[in-house]
PDB file of N, CA and C in Angstrom:
ATOM      1  N   UNK A   1      31.147 -10.671  30.742  1.00  0.00           N
ATOM      2  CA  UNK A   1      29.706 -11.068  31.367  1.00  0.00           C
ATOM      3  C   UNK A   1      29.404 -10.167  32.669  1.00  0.00           C
ATOM      4  N   UNK A   2      28.170 -10.611  33.174  1.00  0.00           N
ATOM      5  CA  UNK A   2      27.522 -10.289  34.492  1.00  0.00           C
ATOM      6  C   UNK A   2      27.397 -11.240  35.117  1.00  0.00           C
ATOM      7  N   UNK A   3      27.904 -11.684  36.545  1.00  0.00           N
ATOM      8  CA  UNK A   3      27.902 -12.994  37.042  1.00  0.00           C
ATOM      9  C   UNK A   3      26.984 -13.807  36.988  1.00  0.00           C
ATOM     10  N   UNK A   4      25.720 -13.513  36.691  1.00  0.00           N
ATOM     11  CA  UNK A   4      24.708 -14.532  36.770  1.00  0.00           C
ATOM     12  C   UNK A   4      24.292 -14.585  35.050  1.00  0.00           C
ATOM     13  N   UNK A   5      24.651 -14.116  34.547  1.00  0.00           N
ATOM     14  CA  UNK A   5      24.201 -13.942  33.104  1.00  0.00           C
ATOM     15  C   UNK A   5      25.237 -15.077  32.119  1.00  0.00           C
ATOM     16  N   UNK A   6      24.462 -16.027  31.160  1.00  0.00           N
ATOM     17  CA  UNK A   6      25.377 -17.136  30.804  1.00  0.00           C
ATOM     18  C   UNK A   6      25.179 -17.034  29.047  1.00  0.00           C
ATOM     19  N   UNK A   7      25.816 -17.408  28.200  1.00  0.00           N
ATOM     20  CA  UNK A   7      25.786 -17.074  27.181  1.00  0.00           C
ATOM     21  C   UNK A   7      25.274 -18.375  26.233  1.00  0.00           C
ATOM     22  N   UNK A   8      23.819 -18.565  25.829  1.00  0.00           N
ATOM     23  CA  UNK A   8      23.161 -18.901  25.398  1.00  0.00           C
ATOM     24  C   UNK A   8      22.850 -19.167  23.639  1.00  0.00           C
ATOM     25  N   UNK A   9      23.993 -19.724  22.674  1.00  0.00           N
ATOM     26  CA  UNK A   9      23.871 -19.919  21.593  1.00  0.00           C
ATOM     27  C   UNK A   9      22.514 -20.001  20.747  1.00  0.00           C
ATOM     28  N   UNK A  10      21.470 -21.010  21.936  1.00  0.00           N
ATOM     29  CA  UNK A  10      20.137 -21.373  21.302  1.00  0.00           C
ATOM     30  C   UNK A  10      19.055 -20.055  21.519  1.00  0.00           C
ATOM     31  N   UNK A  11      19.417 -19.442  22.252  1.00  0.00           N
ATOM     32  CA  UNK A  11      18.653 -18.300  22.720  1.00  0.00           C
ATOM     33  C   UNK A  11      18.637 -17.373  21.412  1.00  0.00           C
ATOM     34  N   UNK A  12      19.572 -17.046  20.666  1.00  0.00           N
ATOM     35  CA  UNK A  12      19.882 -16.305  19.945  1.00  0.00           C
ATOM     36  C   UNK A  12      19.711 -16.796  18.645  1.00  0.00           C
ATOM     37  N   UNK A  13      19.746 -17.860  18.114  1.00  0.00           N
ATOM     38  CA  UNK A  13      19.218 -18.481  17.135  1.00  0.00           C
ATOM     39  C   UNK A  13      17.174 -18.297  17.030  1.00  0.00           C
ATOM     40  N   UNK A  14      17.127 -18.553  18.132  1.00  0.00           N
ATOM     41  CA  UNK A  14      15.712 -18.103  18.195  1.00  0.00           C
ATOM     42  C   UNK A  14      15.009 -16.795  18.412  1.00  0.00           C
ATOM     43  N   UNK A  15      15.904 -15.741  18.390  1.00  0.00           N
ATOM     44  CA  UNK A  15      15.458 -14.586  18.113  1.00  0.00           C
ATOM     45  C   UNK A  15      15.692 -14.251  16.403  1.00  0.00           C
ATOM     46  N   UNK A  16      16.716 -14.953  16.130  1.00  0.00           N
ATOM     47  CA  UNK A  16      16.989 -14.764  14.452  1.00  0.00           C
ATOM     48  C   UNK A  16      15.228 -15.177  13.760  1.00  0.00           C
ATOM     49  N   UNK A  17      15.204 -16.320  14.308  1.00  0.00           N
ATOM     50  CA  UNK A  17      13.905 -16.930  13.233  1.00  0.00           C
ATOM     51  C   UNK A  17      12.388 -15.963  13.604  1.00  0.00           C
ATOM     52  N   UNK A  18      12.576 -15.056  14.530  1.00  0.00           N
ATOM     53  CA  UNK A  18      11.414 -14.210  14.661  1.00  0.00           C
ATOM     54  C   UNK A  18      11.482 -13.250  13.557  1.00  0.00           C
ATOM     55  N   UNK A  19      12.350 -13.112  13.124  1.00  0.00           N
ATOM     56  CA  UNK A  19      12.450 -11.440  12.162  1.00  0.00           C
ATOM     57  C   UNK A  19      11.674 -11.608  11.251  1.00  0.00           C
ATOM     58  N   UNK A  20      11.162 -10.540  10.530  1.00  0.00           N
ATOM     59  CA  UNK A  20      10.661 -10.491   9.258  1.00  0.00           C
ATOM     60  C   UNK A  20      11.752 -10.464   8.012  1.00  0.00           C
ATOM     61  N   UNK A  21      11.360 -11.854   7.152  1.00  0.00           N
ATOM     62  CA  UNK A  21      12.567 -11.481   5.976  1.00  0.00           C
ATOM     63  C   UNK A  21      12.504 -10.330   5.160  1.00  0.00           C
ATOM     64  N   UNK A  22      13.633  -9.999   4.834  1.00  0.00           N
ATOM     65  CA  UNK A  22      13.694  -8.633   4.027  1.00  0.00           C
ATOM     66  C   UNK A  22      13.197  -8.443   3.104  1.00  0.00           C
ATOM     67  N   UNK A  23      12.804  -9.703   2.296  1.00  0.00           N
ATOM     68  CA  UNK A  23      12.099  -9.574   0.903  1.00  0.00           C
ATOM     69  C   UNK A  23      10.451  -8.998   0.889  1.00  0.00           C
ATOM     70  N   UNK A  24       9.582  -9.487   2.257  1.00  0.00           N
ATOM     71  CA  UNK A  24       8.664  -8.832   2.558  1.00  0.00           C
ATOM     72  C   UNK A  24       8.393  -7.250   2.611  1.00  0.00           C
ATOM     73  N   UNK A  25       9.591  -6.643   3.514  1.00  0.00           N
ATOM     74  CA  UNK A  25       9.555  -5.353   3.684  1.00  0.00           C
ATOM     75  C   UNK A  25       9.782  -4.667   2.063  1.00  0.00           C
ATOM     76  N   UNK A  26      10.828  -5.422   1.379  1.00  0.00           N
ATOM     77  CA  UNK A  26      11.279  -4.791   0.078  1.00  0.00           C
ATOM     78  C   UNK A  26       9.701  -4.551  -0.669  1.00  0.00           C
ATOM     79  N   UNK A  27       9.001  -5.900  -0.916  1.00  0.00           N
ATOM     80  CA  UNK A  27       7.611  -5.744  -1.781  1.00  0.00           C
ATOM     81  C   UNK A  27       6.815  -4.588  -1.262  1.00  0.00           C
ATOM     82  N   UNK A  28       6.790  -4.253   0.299  1.00  0.00           N
ATOM     83  CA  UNK A  28       6.134  -3.211   0.920  1.00  0.00           C
ATOM     84  C   UNK A  28       6.590  -1.861   0.289  1.00  0.00           C
ATOM     85  N   UNK A  29       7.792  -1.255   0.196  1.00  0.00           N
ATOM     86  CA  UNK A  29       8.372  -0.556  -0.644  1.00  0.00           C
ATOM     87  C   UNK A  29       8.174  -0.009  -1.907  1.00  0.00           C
ATOM     88  N   UNK A  30       8.215  -1.657  -2.998  1.00  0.00           N
ATOM     89  CA  UNK A  30       7.813  -1.278  -3.777  1.00  0.00           C
ATOM     90  C   UNK A  30       6.368  -0.931  -4.114  1.00  0.00           C
ATOM     91  N   UNK A  31       5.356  -1.682  -3.196  1.00  0.00           N
ATOM     92  CA  UNK A  31       3.926  -1.442  -3.380  1.00  0.00           C
ATOM     93  C   UNK A  31       3.601   0.233  -3.231  1.00  0.00           C
ATOM     94  N   UNK A  32       4.302   0.703  -2.332  1.00  0.00           N
ATOM     95  CA  UNK A  32       4.094   2.131  -2.207  1.00  0.00           C
ATOM     96  C   UNK A  32       4.744   3.113  -3.214  1.00  0.00           C
ATOM     97  N   UNK A  33       5.422   2.476  -3.925  1.00  0.00           N
ATOM     98  CA  UNK A  33       5.916   3.467  -4.631  1.00  0.00           C
ATOM     99  C   UNK A  33       5.059   3.172  -6.135  1.00  0.00           C
ATOM    100  N   UNK A  34       4.971   2.096  -6.594  1.00  0.00           N
ATOM    101  CA  UNK A  34       4.219   1.546  -7.587  1.00  0.00           C
ATOM    102  C   UNK A  34       2.492   1.956  -8.104  1.00  0.00           C
ATOM    103  N   UNK A  35       1.648   2.120  -6.758  1.00  0.00           N
ATOM    104  CA  UNK A  35       0.419   2.020  -6.744  1.00  0.00           C
ATOM    105  C   UNK A  35       0.095   3.691  -6.853  1.00  0.00           C
ATOM    106  N   UNK A  36       0.642   4.312  -6.475  1.00  0.00           N
ATOM    107  CA  UNK A  36       0.656   6.025  -6.586  1.00  0.00           C
ATOM    108  C   UNK A  36       0.581   6.261  -8.118  1.00  0.00           C
ATOM    109  N   UNK A  37       1.700   5.210  -8.588  1.00  0.00           N
ATOM    110  CA  UNK A  37       2.404   5.774 -10.146  1.00  0.00           C
ATOM    111  C   UNK A  37       1.147   5.193 -11.095  1.00  0.00           C
ATOM    112  N   UNK A  38       0.604   3.838 -10.400  1.00  0.00           N
ATOM    113  CA  UNK A  38      -0.100   3.291 -11.361  1.00  0.00           C
ATOM    114  C   UNK A  38      -1.688   3.992 -11.137  1.00  0.00           C
ATOM    115  N   UNK A  39      -1.713   4.657  -9.994  1.00  0.00           N
ATOM    116  CA  UNK A  39      -3.297   5.278  -9.987  1.00  0.00           C
ATOM    117  C   UNK A  39      -3.086   6.883 -10.680  1.00  0.00           C
ATOM    118  N   UNK A  40      -1.771   7.109 -10.900  1.00  0.00           N
ATOM    119  CA  UNK A  40      -1.436   8.467 -11.587  1.00  0.00           C
ATOM    120  C   UNK A  40      -1.597   8.119 -12.889  1.00  0.00           C
ATOM    121  N   UNK A  41      -1.305   6.718 -13.564  1.00  0.00           N
ATOM    122  CA  UNK A  41      -1.654   6.626 -14.988  1.00  0.00           C
ATOM    123  C   UNK A  41      -2.982   6.618 -15.264  1.00  0.00           C
ATOM    124  N   UNK A  42      -3.677   5.583 -14.480  1.00  0.00           N
ATOM    125  CA  UNK A  42      -5.275   5.485 -14.247  1.00  0.00           C
ATOM    126  C   UNK A  42      -6.108   6.760 -14.406  1.00  0.00           C
ATOM    127  N   UNK A  43      -5.698   7.539 -13.698  1.00  0.00           N
ATOM    128  CA  UNK A  43      -6.537   8.915 -13.640  1.00  0.00           C
ATOM    129  C   UNK A  43      -6.232   9.589 -14.612  1.00  0.00           C
ATOM    130  N   UNK A  44      -4.852   9.944 -15.195  1.00  0.00           N
ATOM    131  CA  UNK A  44      -4.648  10.446 -16.888  1.00  0.00           C
ATOM    132  C   UNK A  44      -5.736  10.005 -17.814  1.00  0.00           C
ATOM    133  N   UNK A  45      -5.569   8.826 -17.673  1.00  0.00           N
ATOM    134  CA  UNK A  45      -6.730   7.710 -18.993  1.00  0.00           C
ATOM    135  C   UNK A  45      -7.863   8.108 -18.757  1.00  0.00           C
ATOM    136  N   UNK A  46      -8.334   8.244 -17.708  1.00  0.00           N
ATOM    137  CA  UNK A  46     -10.041   8.320 -16.992  1.00  0.00           C
ATOM    138  C   UNK A  46     -10.290   9.432 -17.893  1.00  0.00           C
ATOM    139  N   UNK A  47      -9.294  10.845 -16.977  1.00  0.00           N
ATOM    140  CA  UNK A  47      -9.492  12.112 -18.003  1.00  0.00           C
ATOM    141  C   UNK A  47      -9.495  12.368 -19.007  1.00  0.00           C
ATOM    142  N   UNK A  48      -8.685  11.531 -19.680  1.00  0.00           N
ATOM    143  CA  UNK A  48      -8.024  11.836 -21.275  1.00  0.00           C
ATOM    144  C   UNK A  48      -9.239  11.409 -21.829  1.00  0.00           C
ATOM    145  N   UNK A  49      -9.632  10.309 -21.592  1.00  0.00           N
ATOM    146  CA  UNK A  49     -10.902   9.539 -22.235  1.00  0.00           C
ATOM    147  C   UNK A  49     -12.358   9.788 -21.317  1.00  0.00           C
ATOM    148  N   UNK A  50     -12.786  10.853 -20.835  1.00  0.00           N
ATOM    149  CA  UNK A  50     -13.748  11.176 -20.154  1.00  0.00           C
ATOM    150  C   UNK A  50     -15.280  11.180 -20.809  1.00  0.00           C
ATOM    151  N   UNK A  51     -15.034  11.316 -22.302  1.00  0.00           N
ATOM    152  CA  UNK A  51     -16.021  10.995 -23.299  1.00  0.00           C
ATOM    153  C   UNK A  51     -16.943   9.604 -23.395  1.00  0.00           C
ATOM    154  N   UNK A  52     -15.900   8.381 -23.136  1.00  0.00           N
ATOM    155  CA  UNK A  52     -16.110   7.439 -23.272  1.00  0.00           C
ATOM    156  C   UNK A  52     -16.852   6.873 -21.868  1.00  0.00           C
ATOM    157  N   UNK A  53     -16.910   7.596 -20.920  1.00  0.00           N
ATOM    158  CA  UNK A  53     -17.127   7.182 -19.087  1.00  0.00           C
ATOM    159  C   UNK A  53     -18.335   8.129 -18.856  1.00  0.00           C
ATOM    160  N   UNK A  54     -19.456   7.573 -18.932  1.00  0.00           N
ATOM    161  CA  UNK A  54     -20.615   8.538 -18.329  1.00  0.00           C
ATOM    162  C   UNK A  54     -20.751   8.692 -17.226  1.00  0.00           C
ATOM    163  N   UNK A  55     -19.838   8.013 -16.369  1.00  0.00           N
ATOM    164  CA  UNK A  55     -20.287   7.695 -14.804  1.00  0.00           C
ATOM    165  C   UNK A  55     -19.128   8.835 -14.211  1.00  0.00           C
ATOM    166  N   UNK A  56     -18.405   9.455 -14.895  1.00  0.00           N
ATOM    167  CA  UNK A  56     -16.906  10.129 -14.888  1.00  0.00           C
ATOM    168  C   UNK A  56     -17.446  11.484 -14.634  1.00  0.00           C
ATOM    169  N   UNK A  57     -17.434  12.034 -13.584  1.00  0.00           N
ATOM    170  CA  UNK A  57     -17.932  13.543 -12.952  1.00  0.00           C
ATOM    171  C   UNK A  57     -16.536  14.382 -12.955  1.00  0.00           C
ATOM    172  N   UNK A  58     -16.666  15.714 -13.756  1.00  0.00           N
ATOM    173  CA  UNK A  58     -15.773  16.478 -13.309  1.00  0.00           C
ATOM    174  C   UNK A  58     -16.265  17.847 -13.281  1.00  0.00           C
ATOM    175  N   UNK A  59     -16.889  18.240 -11.685  1.00  0.00           N
ATOM    176  CA  UNK A  59     -17.182  19.599 -11.199  1.00  0.00           C
ATOM    177  C   UNK A  59     -16.603  20.653 -12.023  1.00  0.00           C
ATOM    178  N   UNK A  60     -17.147  21.623 -12.042  1.00  0.00           N
ATOM    179  CA  UNK A  60     -16.537  22.962 -12.878  1.00  0.00           C
ATOM    180  C   UNK A  60     -15.792  23.664 -11.197  1.00  0.00           C
ATOM    181  N   UNK A  61     -16.008  23.408 -10.303  1.00  0.00           N
ATOM    182  CA  UNK A  61     -15.737  24.218  -9.167  1.00  0.00           C
ATOM    183  C   UNK A  61     -14.361  23.817  -9.077  1.00  0.00           C
ATOM    184  N   UNK A  62     -13.637  22.672  -9.498  1.00  0.00           N
ATOM    185  CA  UNK A  62     -12.279  22.094  -9.429  1.00  0.00           C
ATOM    186  C   UNK A  62     -11.613  22.160 -10.647  1.00  0.00           C
ATOM    187  N   UNK A  63     -11.874  22.940 -11.658  1.00  0.00           N
ATOM    188  CA  UNK A  63     -11.295  23.195 -13.015  1.00  0.00           C
ATOM    189  C   UNK A  63     -10.354  24.668 -12.577  1.00  0.00           C
ATOM    190  N   UNK A  64      -9.018  24.395 -12.831  1.00  0.00           N
ATOM    191  CA  UNK A  64      -8.326  25.435 -12.445  1.00  0.00           C
ATOM    192  C   UNK A  64      -8.165  26.042 -13.919  1.00  0.00           C
ATOM    193  N   UNK A  65      -8.817  27.184 -13.989  1.00  0.00           N
ATOM    194  CA  UNK A  65      -8.327  27.631 -15.729  1.00  0.00           C
ATOM    195  C   UNK A  65      -6.843  28.515 -15.953  1.00  0.00           C
ATOM    196  N   UNK A  66      -6.528  28.740 -14.924  1.00  0.00           N
ATOM    197  CA  UNK A  66      -5.269  29.796 -14.653  1.00  0.00           C
ATOM    198  C   UNK A  66      -3.948  28.621 -14.979  1.00  0.00           C
ATOM    199  N   UNK A  67      -4.051  27.420 -14.783  1.00  0.00           N
ATOM    200  CA  UNK A  67      -2.628  26.546 -15.032  1.00  0.00           C
ATOM    201  C   UNK A  67      -2.685  26.164 -16.444  1.00  0.00           C
ATOM    202  N   UNK A  68      -1.579  25.731 -16.944  1.00  0.00           N
ATOM    203  CA  UNK A  68      -1.395  25.434 -18.427  1.00  0.00           C
ATOM    204  C   UNK A  68      -2.407  23.942 -18.490  1.00  0.00           C
ATOM    205  N   UNK A  69      -2.417  23.001 -17.481  1.00  0.00           N
ATOM    206  CA  UNK A  69      -3.210  21.706 -17.222  1.00  0.00           C
ATOM    207  C   UNK A  69      -4.533  21.976 -16.458  1.00  0.00           C
ATOM    208  N   UNK A  70      -5.667  22.942 -16.936  1.00  0.00           N
ATOM    209  CA  UNK A  70      -6.556  22.791 -16.147  1.00  0.00           C
ATOM    210  C   UNK A  70      -7.319  21.732 -15.069  1.00  0.00           C
ATOM    211  N   UNK A  71      -7.262  20.527 -15.586  1.00  0.00           N
ATOM    212  CA  UNK A  71      -7.706  19.804 -14.999  1.00  0.00           C
ATOM    213  C   UNK A  71      -6.327  18.672 -13.957  1.00  0.00           C
ATOM    214  N   UNK A  72      -5.523  19.264 -13.630  1.00  0.00           N
ATOM    215  CA  UNK A  72      -4.775  18.824 -12.677  1.00  0.00           C
ATOM    216  C   UNK A  72      -4.570  18.696 -11.332  1.00  0.00           C
ATOM    217  N   UNK A  73      -5.897  19.783 -10.657  1.00  0.00           N
ATOM    218  CA  UNK A  73      -6.958  18.845  -9.511  1.00  0.00           C
ATOM    219  C   UNK A  73      -7.265  17.732  -9.805  1.00  0.00           C
ATOM    220  N   UNK A  74      -8.249  17.839 -10.732  1.00  0.00           N
ATOM    221  CA  UNK A  74      -9.158  16.601 -11.003  1.00  0.00           C
ATOM    222  C   UNK A  74      -8.597  15.268 -10.777  1.00  0.00           C
ATOM    223  N   UNK A  75      -7.239  15.291 -11.922  1.00  0.00           N
ATOM    224  CA  UNK A  75      -6.569  14.397 -11.887  1.00  0.00           C
ATOM    225  C   UNK A  75      -5.751  13.916 -10.573  1.00  0.00           C
ATOM    226  N   UNK A  76      -5.772  14.774  -9.607  1.00  0.00           N
ATOM    227  CA  UNK A  76      -5.130  14.363  -8.078  1.00  0.00           C
ATOM    228  C   UNK A  76      -6.384  13.663  -7.423  1.00  0.00           C
ATOM    229  N   UNK A  77      -7.626  14.388  -7.879  1.00  0.00           N
ATOM    230  CA  UNK A  77      -8.470  13.625  -6.842  1.00  0.00           C
ATOM    231  C   UNK A  77      -8.638  12.573  -6.972  1.00  0.00           C
ATOM    232  N   UNK A  78      -8.582  12.155  -8.945  1.00  0.00           N
ATOM    233  CA  UNK A  78      -9.087  10.819  -9.083  1.00  0.00           C
ATOM    234  C   UNK A  78      -7.828   9.916  -8.270  1.00  0.00           C
ATOM    235  N   UNK A  79      -6.602  10.573  -8.557  1.00  0.00           N
ATOM    236  CA  UNK A  79      -5.299   9.714  -8.387  1.00  0.00           C
ATOM    237  C   UNK A  79      -5.499   9.000  -7.134  1.00  0.00           C
ATOM    238  N   UNK A  80      -6.130  10.172  -5.928  1.00  0.00           N
ATOM    239  CA  UNK A  80      -6.348   9.744  -4.601  1.00  0.00           C
ATOM    240  C   UNK A  80      -7.321   8.476  -4.170  1.00  0.00           C
ATOM    241  N   UNK A  81      -8.339   8.610  -4.967  1.00  0.00           N
ATOM    242  CA  UNK A  81      -9.365   7.795  -4.948  1.00  0.00           C
ATOM    243  C   UNK A  81      -8.557   6.322  -5.557  1.00  0.00           C
ATOM    244  N   UNK A  82      -8.321   6.291  -7.033  1.00  0.00           N
ATOM    245  CA  UNK A  82      -7.819   5.287  -7.248  1.00  0.00           C
ATOM    246  C   UNK A  82      -6.812   4.495  -6.394  1.00  0.00           C
ATOM    247  N   UNK A  83      -5.782   5.264  -5.654  1.00  0.00           N
ATOM    248  CA  UNK A  83      -4.964   4.414  -4.635  1.00  0.00           C
ATOM    249  C   UNK A  83      -5.449   3.920  -3.504  1.00  0.00           C
ATOM    250  N   UNK A  84      -6.491   4.775  -3.389  1.00  0.00           N
ATOM    251  CA  UNK A  84      -7.104   4.353  -1.793  1.00  0.00           C
ATOM    252  C   UNK A  84      -7.920   2.930  -2.534  1.00  0.00           C
ATOM    253  N   UNK A  85      -8.762   2.794  -3.446  1.00  0.00           N
ATOM    254  CA  UNK A  85      -9.074   1.690  -3.865  1.00  0.00           C
ATOM    255  C   UNK A  85      -8.511   0.570  -3.875  1.00  0.00           C
ATOM    256  N   UNK A  86      -7.096   0.908  -4.519  1.00  0.00           N
ATOM    257  CA  UNK A  86      -5.670  -0.208  -4.992  1.00  0.00           C
ATOM    258  C   UNK A  86      -5.416  -0.575  -3.371  1.00  0.00           C
ATOM    259  N   UNK A  87      -5.104  -0.038  -2.587  1.00  0.00           N
ATOM    260  CA  UNK A  87      -5.032  -0.130  -1.071  1.00  0.00           C
ATOM    261  C   UNK A  87      -5.678  -1.281  -0.635  1.00  0.00           C
ATOM    262  N   UNK A  88      -6.947  -0.578  -0.613  1.00  0.00           N
ATOM    263  CA  UNK A  88      -8.102  -1.437  -0.051  1.00  0.00           C
ATOM    264  C   UNK A  88      -8.009  -2.924  -0.732  1.00  0.00           C
ATOM    265  N   UNK A  89      -8.289  -2.769  -1.625  1.00  0.00           N
ATOM    266  CA  UNK A  89      -8.105  -4.263  -2.516  1.00  0.00           C
ATOM    267  C   UNK A  89      -6.886  -5.164  -2.015  1.00  0.00           C
ATOM    268  N   UNK A  90      -6.104  -4.819  -2.121  1.00  0.00           N
ATOM    269  CA  UNK A  90      -4.499  -5.419  -1.666  1.00  0.00           C
ATOM    270  C   UNK A  90      -4.895  -5.669  -0.240  1.00  0.00           C
ATOM    271  N   UNK A  91      -5.431  -4.850   0.932  1.00  0.00           N
ATOM    272  CA  UNK A  91      -5.034  -5.223   1.979  1.00  0.00           C
ATOM    273  C   UNK A  91      -6.457  -6.397   2.439  1.00  0.00           C
ATOM    274  N   UNK A  92      -7.572  -6.278   1.559  1.00  0.00           N
ATOM    275  CA  UNK A  92      -8.284  -7.005   1.596  1.00  0.00           C
ATOM    276  C   UNK A  92      -8.017  -8.566   0.926  1.00  0.00           C
ATOM    277  N   UNK A  93      -7.098  -8.553  -0.042  1.00  0.00           N
ATOM    278  CA  UNK A  93      -6.389  -9.848  -0.399  1.00  0.00           C
ATOM    279  C   UNK A  93      -5.817 -10.328   0.731  1.00  0.00           C
ATOM    280  N   UNK A  94      -4.672  -9.596   1.019  1.00  0.00           N
ATOM    281  CA  UNK A  94      -4.143 -10.008   2.245  1.00  0.00           C
ATOM    282  C   UNK A  94      -4.683 -10.675   3.504  1.00  0.00           C
ATOM    283  N   UNK A  95      -5.406  -9.731   3.671  1.00  0.00           N
ATOM    284  CA  UNK A  95      -6.642 -10.477   4.924  1.00  0.00           C
ATOM    285  C   UNK A  95      -7.249 -11.851   4.413  1.00  0.00           C
ATOM    286  N   UNK A  96      -7.962 -11.991   3.245  1.00  0.00           N
ATOM    287  CA  UNK A  96      -8.243 -12.815   2.947  1.00  0.00           C
ATOM    288  C   UNK A  96      -7.009 -14.173   3.077  1.00  0.00           C
ATOM    289  N   UNK A  97      -6.323 -14.193   2.204  1.00  0.00           N
ATOM    290  CA  UNK A  97      -5.207 -15.148   1.995  1.00  0.00           C
ATOM    291  C   UNK A  97      -4.323 -15.653   3.523  1.00  0.00           C
ATOM    292  N   UNK A  98      -4.247 -14.099   4.550  1.00  0.00           N
ATOM    293  CA  UNK A  98      -4.408 -14.750   6.103  1.00  0.00           C
ATOM    294  C   UNK A  98      -5.204 -15.762   6.668  1.00  0.00           C
ATOM    295  N   UNK A  99      -6.338 -15.554   6.563  1.00  0.00           N
ATOM    296  CA  UNK A  99      -7.651 -16.015   7.032  1.00  0.00           C
ATOM    297  C   UNK A  99      -7.429 -17.762   6.197  1.00  0.00           C
ATOM    298  N   UNK A 100      -7.008 -17.687   5.128  1.00  0.00           N
ATOM    299  CA  UNK A 100      -7.107 -19.367   4.440  1.00  0.00           C
ATOM    300  C   UNK A 100      -6.001 -19.788   5.081  1.00  0.00           C
ATOM    301  N   UNK A 101      -4.679 -19.556   4.945  1.00  0.00           N
ATOM    302  CA  UNK A 101      -3.878 -19.926   5.452  1.00  0.00           C
ATOM    303  C   UNK A 101      -3.253 -20.100   7.185  1.00  0.00           C
ATOM    304  N   UNK A 102      -3.806 -19.457   7.318  1.00  0.00           N
ATOM    305  CA  UNK A 102      -3.461 -19.020   9.075  1.00  0.00           C
ATOM    306  C   UNK A 102      -2.024 -19.211   9.029  1.00  0.00           C
ATOM    307  N   UNK A 103      -1.201 -18.320   9.391  1.00  0.00           N
ATOM    308  CA  UNK A 103       0.128 -18.354   9.578  1.00  0.00           C
ATOM    309  C   UNK A 103       0.531 -18.236  11.077  1.00  0.00           C
ATOM    310  N   UNK A 104       1.495 -18.773  11.404  1.00  0.00           N
ATOM    311  CA  UNK A 104       1.731 -19.229  12.861  1.00  0.00           C
ATOM    312  C   UNK A 104       1.928 -17.437  13.344  1.00  0.00           C
ATOM    313  N   UNK A 105       1.841 -17.495  14.632  1.00  0.00           N
ATOM    314  CA  UNK A 105       1.425 -15.907  15.501  1.00  0.00           C
ATOM    315  C   UNK A 105       3.304 -15.903  15.328  1.00  0.00           C
ATOM    316  N   UNK A 106       3.711 -14.418  15.865  1.00  0.00           N
ATOM    317  CA  UNK A 106       4.613 -13.898  15.684  1.00  0.00           C
ATOM    318  C   UNK A 106       5.125 -13.018  16.983  1.00  0.00           C
ATOM    319  N   UNK A 107       5.997 -12.809  17.216  1.00  0.00           N
ATOM    320  CA  UNK A 107       5.924 -12.064  18.392  1.00  0.00           C
ATOM    321  C   UNK A 107       5.561 -10.286  18.105  1.00  0.00           C
ATOM    322  N   UNK A 108       5.169 -10.117  16.540  1.00  0.00           N
ATOM    323  CA  UNK A 108       4.600  -9.274  16.375  1.00  0.00           C
ATOM    324  C   UNK A 108       3.564  -8.662  16.353  1.00  0.00           C
ATOM    325  N   UNK A 109       2.517  -9.850  16.632  1.00  0.00           N
ATOM    326  CA  UNK A 109       0.915  -9.709  17.035  1.00  0.00           C
ATOM    327  C   UNK A 109       0.779  -9.487  17.943  1.00  0.00           C
ATOM    328  N   UNK A 110      -0.431  -8.533  18.581  1.00  0.00           N
ATOM    329  CA  UNK A 110      -0.537  -8.253  19.909  1.00  0.00           C
ATOM    330  C   UNK A 110      -1.398  -9.033  20.495  1.00  0.00           C
ATOM    331  N   UNK A 111      -1.967  -9.668  20.527  1.00  0.00           N
ATOM    332  CA  UNK A 111      -2.916 -10.697  21.203  1.00  0.00           C
ATOM    333  C   UNK A 111      -2.423 -12.168  21.227  1.00  0.00           C
ATOM    334  N   UNK A 112      -1.320 -12.266  22.292  1.00  0.00           N
ATOM    335  CA  UNK A 112      -0.941 -13.670  21.969  1.00  0.00           C
ATOM    336  C   UNK A 112      -1.971 -14.655  22.750  1.00  0.00           C
TER     337      UNK A 112
END
């Protein structure tokens, strides 16, 4: 140990308190995987039942007739749109819950 440095077990305990719980990281990773899968399923259902939805627009320019599934690009576009909407909704819910419950400040916050 250096000459002027001392071992303080209290300081190490305080440092351990400031870490994010691993469960929250796991939930974020699961959402990163689940949301695109759910968006793909929703896009596939929308495209397959497009006669029931009058608001569903499929431009002829993005229909690729040379592929086995000519609507693959349309499904991809709707997958991205639905995924962005789901990410926005989850972000909005998180923002509202943080404002309601006002969690304590952490060292990861930018403005202390």
